[in-house]
């Protein structure tokens, strides 16, 4: 589990280093809200990454759903975008996605996601969302971390 946490932190740090037109959360076209479920957020983020364009609008959507703590570690958006491109580029413009069951315990939701890259490889990621307890996002589910998981361990519990 310690390596998983390290992977989450690495993803959070890697999601933060590139060039980007989006200046702030105020520019989000899709935003967190109290009525969005953790499942819907993971699907929104995965779909955004699937259709990421030259303007990095998909990465911008992912950043909009990042928790304040995640953004403190990975932002600003330019850094976040570079992190995705350099360490998690296989998420961008992937061909297909499969979602394992989400596990929710109190204010934490965990979901494995399997992506088929444009080249046909399968890669795995574990999304960790947290229900925010304070501030402007109180009561909303947001992505706290994402880390790579080994596709060969897909049938094992995470």
C-alpha atoms as a PDB file:
ATOM      1  CA  UNK A   1       0.000   0.000   0.000  1.00  0.00           C
ATOM      2  CA  UNK A   2       2.929   2.363   0.650  1.00  0.00           C
ATOM      3  CA  UNK A   3       4.013   2.027  -2.972  1.00  0.00           C
ATOM      4  CA  UNK A   4       0.433   2.786  -4.009  1.00  0.00           C
ATOM      5  CA  UNK A   5       0.439   5.979  -1.981  1.00  0.00           C
ATOM      6  CA  UNK A   6       3.799   6.921  -3.479  1.00  0.00           C
ATOM      7  CA  UNK A   7       2.327   6.303  -6.915  1.00  0.00           C
ATOM      8  CA  UNK A   8      -0.641   8.526  -6.098  1.00  0.00           C
ATOM      9  CA  UNK A   9       1.645  11.301  -4.976  1.00  0.00           C
ATOM     10  CA  UNK A  10       3.823  10.869  -8.050  1.00  0.00           C
ATOM     11  CA  UNK A  11       0.785  11.106 -10.313  1.00  0.00           C
ATOM     12  CA  UNK A  12      -0.385  14.192  -8.476  1.00  0.00           C
ATOM     13  CA  UNK A  13       3.046  15.747  -8.871  1.00  0.00           C
ATOM     14  CA  UNK A  14       3.396  14.658 -12.494  1.00  0.00           C
ATOM     15  CA  UNK A  15      -0.031  16.007 -13.439  1.00  0.00           C
ATOM     16  CA  UNK A  16       1.350  19.461 -12.858  1.00  0.00           C
ATOM     17  CA  UNK A  17       4.013  20.511 -15.426  1.00  0.00           C
ATOM     18  CA  UNK A  18       3.126  21.800 -18.925  1.00  0.00           C
ATOM     19  CA  UNK A  19       1.838  24.634 -21.076  1.00  0.00           C
ATOM     20  CA  UNK A  20      -1.790  25.519 -20.872  1.00  0.00           C
ATOM     21  CA  UNK A  21      -4.305  28.183 -21.777  1.00  0.00           C
ATOM     22  CA  UNK A  22      -6.603  27.661 -18.801  1.00  0.00           C
ATOM     23  CA  UNK A  23      -5.762  30.188 -16.113  1.00  0.00           C
ATOM     24  CA  UNK A  24      -8.091  29.245 -13.280  1.00  0.00           C
ATOM     25  CA  UNK A  25     -10.956  27.088 -12.061  1.00  0.00           C
ATOM     26  CA  UNK A  26     -13.307  29.871 -13.128  1.00  0.00           C
ATOM     27  CA  UNK A  27     -12.757  28.721 -16.712  1.00  0.00           C
ATOM     28  CA  UNK A  28     -14.085  25.211 -16.078  1.00  0.00           C
ATOM     29  CA  UNK A  29     -16.827  24.203 -18.492  1.00  0.00           C
ATOM     30  CA  UNK A  30     -17.718  21.194 -16.316  1.00  0.00           C
ATOM     31  CA  UNK A  31     -17.286  21.655 -12.578  1.00  0.00           C
ATOM     32  CA  UNK A  32     -17.704  19.724  -9.359  1.00  0.00           C
ATOM     33  CA  UNK A  33     -21.104  20.028  -7.714  1.00  0.00           C
ATOM     34  CA  UNK A  34     -22.865  18.572  -4.713  1.00  0.00           C
ATOM     35  CA  UNK A  35     -25.051  16.338  -6.931  1.00  0.00           C
ATOM     36  CA  UNK A  36     -22.205  14.624  -8.838  1.00  0.00           C
ATOM     37  CA  UNK A  37     -21.420  11.083  -7.717  1.00  0.00           C
ATOM     38  CA  UNK A  38     -17.852   9.806  -7.489  1.00  0.00           C
ATOM     39  CA  UNK A  39     -18.621   7.347 -10.317  1.00  0.00           C
ATOM     40  CA  UNK A  40     -19.815  10.150 -12.587  1.00  0.00           C
ATOM     41  CA  UNK A  41     -16.699  12.185 -11.851  1.00  0.00           C
ATOM     42  CA  UNK A  42     -14.321   9.352 -12.772  1.00  0.00           C
ATOM     43  CA  UNK A  43     -16.245   8.787 -16.004  1.00  0.00           C
ATOM     44  CA  UNK A  44     -16.193  12.518 -16.796  1.00  0.00           C
ATOM     45  CA  UNK A  45     -12.438  12.702 -16.216  1.00  0.00           C
ATOM     46  CA  UNK A  46     -11.715   9.574 -18.270  1.00  0.00           C
ATOM     47  CA  UNK A  47     -13.866  10.814 -21.148  1.00  0.00           C
ATOM     48  CA  UNK A  48     -12.123  14.210 -21.038  1.00  0.00           C
ATOM     49  CA  UNK A  49      -8.728  12.522 -21.285  1.00  0.00           C
ATOM     50  CA  UNK A  50      -9.985  10.391 -24.174  1.00  0.00           C
ATOM     51  CA  UNK A  51     -10.858  13.446 -26.250  1.00  0.00           C
ATOM     52  CA  UNK A  52      -8.051  15.743 -25.125  1.00  0.00           C
ATOM     53  CA  UNK A  53      -7.220  18.081 -27.990  1.00  0.00           C
ATOM     54  CA  UNK A  54      -4.340  20.326 -28.938  1.00  0.00           C
ATOM     55  CA  UNK A  55      -5.768  22.916 -26.552  1.00  0.00           C
ATOM     56  CA  UNK A  56      -5.541  20.389 -23.673  1.00  0.00           C
ATOM     57  CA  UNK A  57      -9.208  20.891 -22.857  1.00  0.00           C
ATOM     58  CA  UNK A  58      -9.359  17.334 -21.502  1.00  0.00           C
ATOM     59  CA  UNK A  59      -6.523  18.000 -19.090  1.00  0.00           C
ATOM     60  CA  UNK A  60      -8.299  21.223 -18.068  1.00  0.00           C
ATOM     61  CA  UNK A  61     -11.379  19.217 -17.137  1.00  0.00           C
ATOM     62  CA  UNK A  62      -9.272  16.829 -15.062  1.00  0.00           C
ATOM     63  CA  UNK A  63      -7.756  19.810 -13.247  1.00  0.00           C
ATOM     64  CA  UNK A  64     -11.224  21.252 -12.553  1.00  0.00           C
ATOM     65  CA  UNK A  65     -12.121  18.064 -10.681  1.00  0.00           C
ATOM     66  CA  UNK A  66      -8.853  17.908  -8.709  1.00  0.00           C
ATOM     67  CA  UNK A  67      -9.318  18.549  -5.006  1.00  0.00           C
ATOM     68  CA  UNK A  68      -7.816  21.698  -3.469  1.00  0.00           C
ATOM     69  CA  UNK A  69      -5.155  19.536  -1.782  1.00  0.00           C
ATOM     70  CA  UNK A  70      -4.310  17.849  -5.075  1.00  0.00           C
ATOM     71  CA  UNK A  71      -4.006  21.232  -6.785  1.00  0.00           C
ATOM     72  CA  UNK A  72      -1.707  22.514  -4.043  1.00  0.00           C
ATOM     73  CA  UNK A  73       0.634  19.615  -4.812  1.00  0.00           C
ATOM     74  CA  UNK A  74       0.319  19.621  -8.598  1.00  0.00           C
ATOM     75  CA  UNK A  75      -0.667  23.092  -9.760  1.00  0.00           C
ATOM     76  CA  UNK A  76      -0.740  25.480 -11.354  1.00  0.00           C
ATOM     77  CA  UNK A  77      -2.482  24.155 -14.445  1.00  0.00           C
ATOM     78  CA  UNK A  78       0.613  24.497 -16.629  1.00  0.00           C
ATOM     79  CA  UNK A  79       2.569  22.229 -14.311  1.00  0.00           C
ATOM     80  CA  UNK A  80      -0.364  19.836 -14.018  1.00  0.00           C
ATOM     81  CA  UNK A  81      -0.624  19.488 -17.813  1.00  0.00           C
ATOM     82  CA  UNK A  82       3.078  18.790 -18.176  1.00  0.00           C
ATOM     83  CA  UNK A  83       2.887  16.144 -15.490  1.00  0.00           C
ATOM     84  CA  UNK A  84       0.111  14.311 -17.314  1.00  0.00           C
ATOM     85  CA  UNK A  85       1.913  14.514 -20.638  1.00  0.00           C
ATOM     86  CA  UNK A  86       5.263  13.350 -19.305  1.00  0.00           C
ATOM     87  CA  UNK A  87       4.186  10.671 -16.834  1.00  0.00           C
ATOM     88  CA  UNK A  88       0.670   9.673 -17.810  1.00  0.00           C
ATOM     89  CA  UNK A  89       0.507  10.321 -21.539  1.00  0.00           C
ATOM     90  CA  UNK A  90      -1.045   6.894 -22.124  1.00  0.00           C
ATOM     91  CA  UNK A  91      -4.246   8.299 -20.592  1.00  0.00           C
ATOM     92  CA  UNK A  92      -4.496  10.923 -23.313  1.00  0.00           C
ATOM     93  CA  UNK A  93      -6.577  10.053 -26.362  1.00  0.00           C
ATOM     94  CA  UNK A  94      -6.946   6.432 -25.284  1.00  0.00           C
ATOM     95  CA  UNK A  95      -9.108   4.131 -27.399  1.00  0.00           C
ATOM     96  CA  UNK A  96     -11.316   2.542 -24.735  1.00  0.00           C
ATOM     97  CA  UNK A  97     -11.942   2.331 -21.000  1.00  0.00           C
ATOM     98  CA  UNK A  98     -13.326  -0.184 -18.531  1.00  0.00           C
ATOM     99  CA  UNK A  99     -14.338   0.604 -14.971  1.00  0.00           C
ATOM    100  CA  UNK A 100     -14.113  -1.885 -12.126  1.00  0.00           C
ATOM    101  CA  UNK A 101     -16.457  -1.522  -9.169  1.00  0.00           C
ATOM    102  CA  UNK A 102     -16.011   1.546  -7.052  1.00  0.00           C
ATOM    103  CA  UNK A 103     -15.503   1.086  -3.346  1.00  0.00           C
ATOM    104  CA  UNK A 104     -16.824   3.877  -1.131  1.00  0.00           C
ATOM    105  CA  UNK A 105     -16.035   4.092   2.565  1.00  0.00           C
ATOM    106  CA  UNK A 106     -17.314   7.192   4.300  1.00  0.00           C
ATOM    107  CA  UNK A 107     -15.693  10.136   2.470  1.00  0.00           C
ATOM    108  CA  UNK A 108     -13.259   8.145   0.294  1.00  0.00           C
ATOM    109  CA  UNK A 109     -13.989   6.446  -3.026  1.00  0.00           C
ATOM    110  CA  UNK A 110     -11.552   4.165  -4.867  1.00  0.00           C
ATOM    111  CA  UNK A 111     -12.001   2.934  -8.444  1.00  0.00           C
ATOM    112  CA  UNK A 112      -9.710   0.973 -10.748  1.00  0.00           C
ATOM    113  CA  UNK A 113      -9.922   2.004 -14.396  1.00  0.00           C
ATOM    114  CA  UNK A 114      -8.416   0.112 -17.327  1.00  0.00           C
ATOM    115  CA  UNK A 115      -7.537   2.012 -20.467  1.00  0.00           C
ATOM    116  CA  UNK A 116      -6.716   0.640 -23.883  1.00  0.00           C
ATOM    117  CA  UNK A 117      -4.206   2.990 -25.443  1.00  0.00           C
ATOM    118  CA  UNK A 118      -4.333   4.069 -29.072  1.00  0.00           C
ATOM    119  CA  UNK A 119      -1.572   1.484 -29.651  1.00  0.00           C
ATOM    120  CA  UNK A 120      -3.648  -1.333 -28.123  1.00  0.00           C
ATOM    121  CA  UNK A 121      -1.862  -1.696 -24.773  1.00  0.00           C
ATOM    122  CA  UNK A 122      -3.898  -1.969 -21.568  1.00  0.00           C
ATOM    123  CA  UNK A 123      -2.885   0.281 -18.682  1.00  0.00           C
ATOM    124  CA  UNK A 124      -4.431   0.542 -15.241  1.00  0.00           C
ATOM    125  CA  UNK A 125      -5.061   3.468 -12.924  1.00  0.00           C
ATOM    126  CA  UNK A 126      -6.591   3.697  -9.495  1.00  0.00           C
ATOM    127  CA  UNK A 127      -8.613   6.828  -8.805  1.00  0.00           C
ATOM    128  CA  UNK A 128      -8.988   8.061  -5.235  1.00  0.00           C
ATOM    129  CA  UNK A 129     -11.699  10.620  -4.660  1.00  0.00           C
ATOM    130  CA  UNK A 130     -12.526  12.382  -1.442  1.00  0.00           C
ATOM    131  CA  UNK A 131     -15.680  14.114  -0.340  1.00  0.00           C
ATOM    132  CA  UNK A 132     -14.539  17.594   0.592  1.00  0.00           C
ATOM    133  CA  UNK A 133     -15.434  18.679   4.120  1.00  0.00           C
ATOM    134  CA  UNK A 134     -14.596  22.385   4.125  1.00  0.00           C
ATOM    135  CA  UNK A 135     -14.370  25.414   1.897  1.00  0.00           C
ATOM    136  CA  UNK A 136     -16.154  26.213  -1.331  1.00  0.00           C
ATOM    137  CA  UNK A 137     -16.236  22.528  -2.352  1.00  0.00           C
ATOM    138  CA  UNK A 138     -17.673  21.170   0.923  1.00  0.00           C
ATOM    139  CA  UNK A 139     -19.840  18.116   0.255  1.00  0.00           C
ATOM    140  CA  UNK A 140     -18.432  17.592  -3.258  1.00  0.00           C
ATOM    141  CA  UNK A 141     -16.473  14.597  -4.487  1.00  0.00           C
ATOM    142  CA  UNK A 142     -13.131  15.493  -6.074  1.00  0.00           C
ATOM    143  CA  UNK A 143     -10.053  13.619  -7.273  1.00  0.00           C
ATOM    144  CA  UNK A 144      -7.405  13.503  -4.591  1.00  0.00           C
ATOM    145  CA  UNK A 145      -4.972  11.217  -6.365  1.00  0.00           C
ATOM    146  CA  UNK A 146      -4.498   8.749  -9.211  1.00  0.00           C
ATOM    147  CA  UNK A 147      -1.819   6.120  -9.498  1.00  0.00           C
ATOM    148  CA  UNK A 148      -0.770   3.479 -11.943  1.00  0.00           C
ATOM    149  CA  UNK A 149      -1.655  -0.141 -11.255  1.00  0.00           C
ATOM    150  CA  UNK A 150      -0.247  -3.230 -12.895  1.00  0.00           C
ATOM    151  CA  UNK A 151      -2.691  -4.699 -15.447  1.00  0.00           C
ATOM    152  CA  UNK A 152      -1.376  -8.204 -14.671  1.00  0.00           C
ATOM    153  CA  UNK A 153      -2.936  -7.864 -11.205  1.00  0.00           C
ATOM    154  CA  UNK A 154      -6.353  -6.950 -12.567  1.00  0.00           C
ATOM    155  CA  UNK A 155      -8.157  -9.944 -11.075  1.00  0.00           C
ATOM    156  CA  UNK A 156      -6.712  -9.286  -7.610  1.00  0.00           C
ATOM    157  CA  UNK A 157      -8.305  -6.908  -5.170  1.00  0.00           C
ATOM    158  CA  UNK A 158      -6.658  -3.522  -4.880  1.00  0.00           C
END
